[in-house]
Amino acid sequence: MPMFWPDFWQAVEGLDCKVIVAYQRCLTFYWFHTGCAGLPDDDERLRGICRLDNDEWADWKKILFSKDNDGFWFIKGGKWHNKRAIEVWNISLVHMNMMHDRAINGANARWKNK
């Protein structure tokens, strides 16, 4: 998962360290566990992904997952999504498929006459 650190730090400027880590955990889970297919719209599941305590969750949820907010996540099809992660995921898939095709073509060219 590529990270664009200057953009990330600008986006989270002024936030508590706990919410920054929670956001990082959500991005990582979103990318590696769901393939950018969406985080569940379920408080307990999201709280677990964020690893936040029950007493912290209500405050931090408003920052990370607000249905009225144009912030970090948006809801679509009953799941939470991150615009930037989806864009980078799609670019990564194109690149990965291109590299896969090159590898197949290279192997075929090398071993075809042997």
C-alpha atoms as a PDB file:
ATOM      1  CA  MET A   1       0.000   0.000   0.000  1.00  0.00           C
ATOM      2  CA  PRO A   2       1.685   3.200  -1.090  1.00  0.00           C
ATOM      3  CA  MET A   3       1.515   6.031   1.415  1.00  0.00           C
ATOM      4  CA  PHE A   4       1.740   9.650   0.438  1.00  0.00           C
ATOM      5  CA  TRP A   5       3.077  10.883   3.739  1.00  0.00           C
ATOM      6  CA  PRO A   6       3.008  14.656   3.166  1.00  0.00           C
ATOM      7  CA  ASP A   7      -0.662  14.432   2.132  1.00  0.00           C
ATOM      8  CA  PHE A   8      -1.445  12.141   5.051  1.00  0.00           C
ATOM      9  CA  TRP A   9       0.155  14.409   7.652  1.00  0.00           C
ATOM     10  CA  GLN A  10      -1.579  17.437   6.172  1.00  0.00           C
ATOM     11  CA  ALA A  11      -4.947  15.656   6.384  1.00  0.00           C
ATOM     12  CA  VAL A  12      -4.514  14.703  10.043  1.00  0.00           C
ATOM     13  CA  GLU A  13      -2.857  17.937  11.205  1.00  0.00           C
ATOM     14  CA  GLY A  14      -4.082  18.914  14.648  1.00  0.00           C
ATOM     15  CA  LEU A  15      -5.734  15.588  15.450  1.00  0.00           C
ATOM     16  CA  ASP A  16      -5.017  13.573  18.571  1.00  0.00           C
ATOM     17  CA  CYS A  17      -2.412  10.829  18.100  1.00  0.00           C
ATOM     18  CA  LYS A  18      -4.987   8.154  18.933  1.00  0.00           C
ATOM     19  CA  VAL A  19      -7.293   9.192  16.093  1.00  0.00           C
ATOM     20  CA  ILE A  20      -4.340   9.374  13.697  1.00  0.00           C
ATOM     21  CA  VAL A  21      -3.369   5.796  14.532  1.00  0.00           C
ATOM     22  CA  ALA A  22      -7.014   4.722  14.288  1.00  0.00           C
ATOM     23  CA  TYR A  23      -7.177   6.252  10.804  1.00  0.00           C
ATOM     24  CA  GLN A  24      -3.962   4.463   9.796  1.00  0.00           C
ATOM     25  CA  ARG A  25      -5.355   1.170  11.079  1.00  0.00           C
ATOM     26  CA  CYS A  26      -8.553   1.695   9.077  1.00  0.00           C
ATOM     27  CA  LEU A  27      -6.615   2.477   5.904  1.00  0.00           C
ATOM     28  CA  THR A  28      -4.448  -0.610   6.376  1.00  0.00           C
ATOM     29  CA  PHE A  29      -7.439  -2.866   7.043  1.00  0.00           C
ATOM     30  CA  TYR A  30      -9.306  -1.340   4.098  1.00  0.00           C
ATOM     31  CA  TRP A  31      -6.402  -1.990   1.725  1.00  0.00           C
ATOM     32  CA  PHE A  32      -5.078  -5.368   2.880  1.00  0.00           C
ATOM     33  CA  HIS A  33      -8.158  -7.100   4.261  1.00  0.00           C
ATOM     34  CA  THR A  34     -10.951  -5.837   2.016  1.00  0.00           C
ATOM     35  CA  GLY A  35      -9.082  -4.904  -1.164  1.00  0.00           C
ATOM     36  CA  CYS A  36     -10.735  -1.475  -0.907  1.00  0.00           C
ATOM     37  CA  ALA A  37     -14.172  -3.129  -1.011  1.00  0.00           C
ATOM     38  CA  GLY A  38     -15.308  -1.206   2.062  1.00  0.00           C
ATOM     39  CA  LEU A  39     -15.287  -1.179   5.835  1.00  0.00           C
ATOM     40  CA  PRO A  40     -18.419  -2.457   7.576  1.00  0.00           C
ATOM     41  CA  ASP A  41     -20.962   0.088   8.757  1.00  0.00           C
ATOM     42  CA  ASP A  42     -20.944  -1.503  12.187  1.00  0.00           C
ATOM     43  CA  ASP A  43     -19.803   0.423  15.266  1.00  0.00           C
ATOM     44  CA  GLU A  44     -18.339  -2.533  17.140  1.00  0.00           C
ATOM     45  CA  ARG A  45     -16.432  -3.797  14.120  1.00  0.00           C
ATOM     46  CA  LEU A  46     -15.085  -0.330  13.289  1.00  0.00           C
ATOM     47  CA  ARG A  47     -14.163   0.302  16.913  1.00  0.00           C
ATOM     48  CA  GLY A  48     -12.269  -3.003  16.900  1.00  0.00           C
ATOM     49  CA  ILE A  49     -10.418  -2.112  13.705  1.00  0.00           C
ATOM     50  CA  CYS A  50      -9.511   1.271  15.203  1.00  0.00           C
ATOM     51  CA  ARG A  51      -8.600  -0.371  18.536  1.00  0.00           C
ATOM     52  CA  LEU A  52     -10.323   2.357  20.498  1.00  0.00           C
ATOM     53  CA  ASP A  53     -11.930   1.949  23.913  1.00  0.00           C
ATOM     54  CA  ASN A  54     -15.704   2.194  24.299  1.00  0.00           C
ATOM     55  CA  ASP A  55     -15.433   5.524  26.113  1.00  0.00           C
ATOM     56  CA  GLU A  56     -13.306   7.019  23.302  1.00  0.00           C
ATOM     57  CA  TRP A  57     -15.286   5.667  20.380  1.00  0.00           C
ATOM     58  CA  ALA A  58     -18.182   8.159  20.262  1.00  0.00           C
ATOM     59  CA  ASP A  59     -15.863  11.172  20.035  1.00  0.00           C
ATOM     60  CA  TRP A  60     -13.428   9.704  17.526  1.00  0.00           C
ATOM     61  CA  LYS A  61     -16.154   8.176  15.369  1.00  0.00           C
ATOM     62  CA  LYS A  62     -17.513  11.671  14.696  1.00  0.00           C
ATOM     63  CA  ILE A  63     -14.134  12.635  13.231  1.00  0.00           C
ATOM     64  CA  LEU A  64     -13.438   9.468  11.242  1.00  0.00           C
ATOM     65  CA  PHE A  65     -16.879   8.200  10.230  1.00  0.00           C
ATOM     66  CA  SER A  66     -19.436  10.947   9.961  1.00  0.00           C
ATOM     67  CA  LYS A  67     -22.205  10.449   7.405  1.00  0.00           C
ATOM     68  CA  ASP A  68     -22.614  14.234   7.267  1.00  0.00           C
ATOM     69  CA  ASN A  69     -18.886  14.821   6.842  1.00  0.00           C
ATOM     70  CA  ASP A  70     -16.772  15.136   3.721  1.00  0.00           C
ATOM     71  CA  GLY A  71     -13.829  13.877   5.734  1.00  0.00           C
ATOM     72  CA  PHE A  72     -11.843  10.700   5.786  1.00  0.00           C
ATOM     73  CA  TRP A  73     -14.503   8.138   4.876  1.00  0.00           C
ATOM     74  CA  PHE A  74     -17.762   8.167   2.934  1.00  0.00           C
ATOM     75  CA  ILE A  75     -20.569   5.620   2.917  1.00  0.00           C
ATOM     76  CA  LYS A  76     -21.566   3.856  -0.282  1.00  0.00           C
ATOM     77  CA  GLY A  77     -23.503   0.641  -0.620  1.00  0.00           C
ATOM     78  CA  GLY A  78     -23.653   0.227   3.144  1.00  0.00           C
ATOM     79  CA  LYS A  79     -19.855   0.305   3.526  1.00  0.00           C
ATOM     80  CA  TRP A  80     -17.310   2.978   4.360  1.00  0.00           C
ATOM     81  CA  HIS A  81     -14.846   3.960   1.632  1.00  0.00           C
ATOM     82  CA  ASN A  82     -11.847   6.252   1.275  1.00  0.00           C
ATOM     83  CA  LYS A  83     -11.594   8.184  -1.995  1.00  0.00           C
ATOM     84  CA  ARG A  84      -7.802   8.409  -2.160  1.00  0.00           C
ATOM     85  CA  ALA A  85      -7.282   4.750  -1.282  1.00  0.00           C
ATOM     86  CA  ILE A  86      -9.683   3.661  -4.047  1.00  0.00           C
ATOM     87  CA  GLU A  87      -7.828   5.799  -6.598  1.00  0.00           C
ATOM     88  CA  VAL A  88      -4.442   4.407  -5.566  1.00  0.00           C
ATOM     89  CA  TRP A  89      -5.839   0.846  -5.441  1.00  0.00           C
ATOM     90  CA  ASN A  90      -7.082   1.113  -9.038  1.00  0.00           C
ATOM     91  CA  ILE A  91      -3.739   2.494 -10.238  1.00  0.00           C
ATOM     92  CA  SER A  92      -1.945  -0.311  -8.385  1.00  0.00           C
ATOM     93  CA  LEU A  93      -4.140  -2.948 -10.039  1.00  0.00           C
ATOM     94  CA  VAL A  94      -3.313  -1.586 -13.487  1.00  0.00           C
ATOM     95  CA  HIS A  95       0.401  -1.627 -12.652  1.00  0.00           C
ATOM     96  CA  MET A  96       0.246  -5.116 -11.114  1.00  0.00           C
ATOM     97  CA  ASN A  97      -1.607  -6.520 -14.125  1.00  0.00           C
ATOM     98  CA  MET A  98       0.906  -4.903 -16.479  1.00  0.00           C
ATOM     99  CA  MET A  99       3.822  -6.442 -14.547  1.00  0.00           C
ATOM    100  CA  HIS A 100       2.071  -9.816 -14.518  1.00  0.00           C
ATOM    101  CA  ASP A 101       1.607  -9.705 -18.285  1.00  0.00           C
ATOM    102  CA  ARG A 102       5.255  -8.749 -18.776  1.00  0.00           C
ATOM    103  CA  ALA A 103       6.383 -11.651 -16.611  1.00  0.00           C
ATOM    104  CA  ILE A 104       4.206 -14.127 -18.519  1.00  0.00           C
ATOM    105  CA  ASN A 105       5.406 -12.808 -21.877  1.00  0.00           C
ATOM    106  CA  GLY A 106       9.032 -12.904 -20.747  1.00  0.00           C
ATOM    107  CA  ALA A 107       8.719 -16.461 -19.476  1.00  0.00           C
ATOM    108  CA  ASN A 108       6.991 -17.572 -22.653  1.00  0.00           C
ATOM    109  CA  ALA A 109       9.662 -15.937 -24.824  1.00  0.00           C
ATOM    110  CA  ARG A 110      12.463 -17.520 -22.784  1.00  0.00           C
ATOM    111  CA  TRP A 111      11.096 -21.047 -22.596  1.00  0.00           C
ATOM    112  CA  LYS A 112       9.229 -21.299 -25.899  1.00  0.00           C
ATOM    113  CA  ASN A 113      12.250 -22.605 -27.856  1.00  0.00           C
ATOM    114  CA  LYS A 114      13.653 -24.855 -25.146  1.00  0.00           C
END
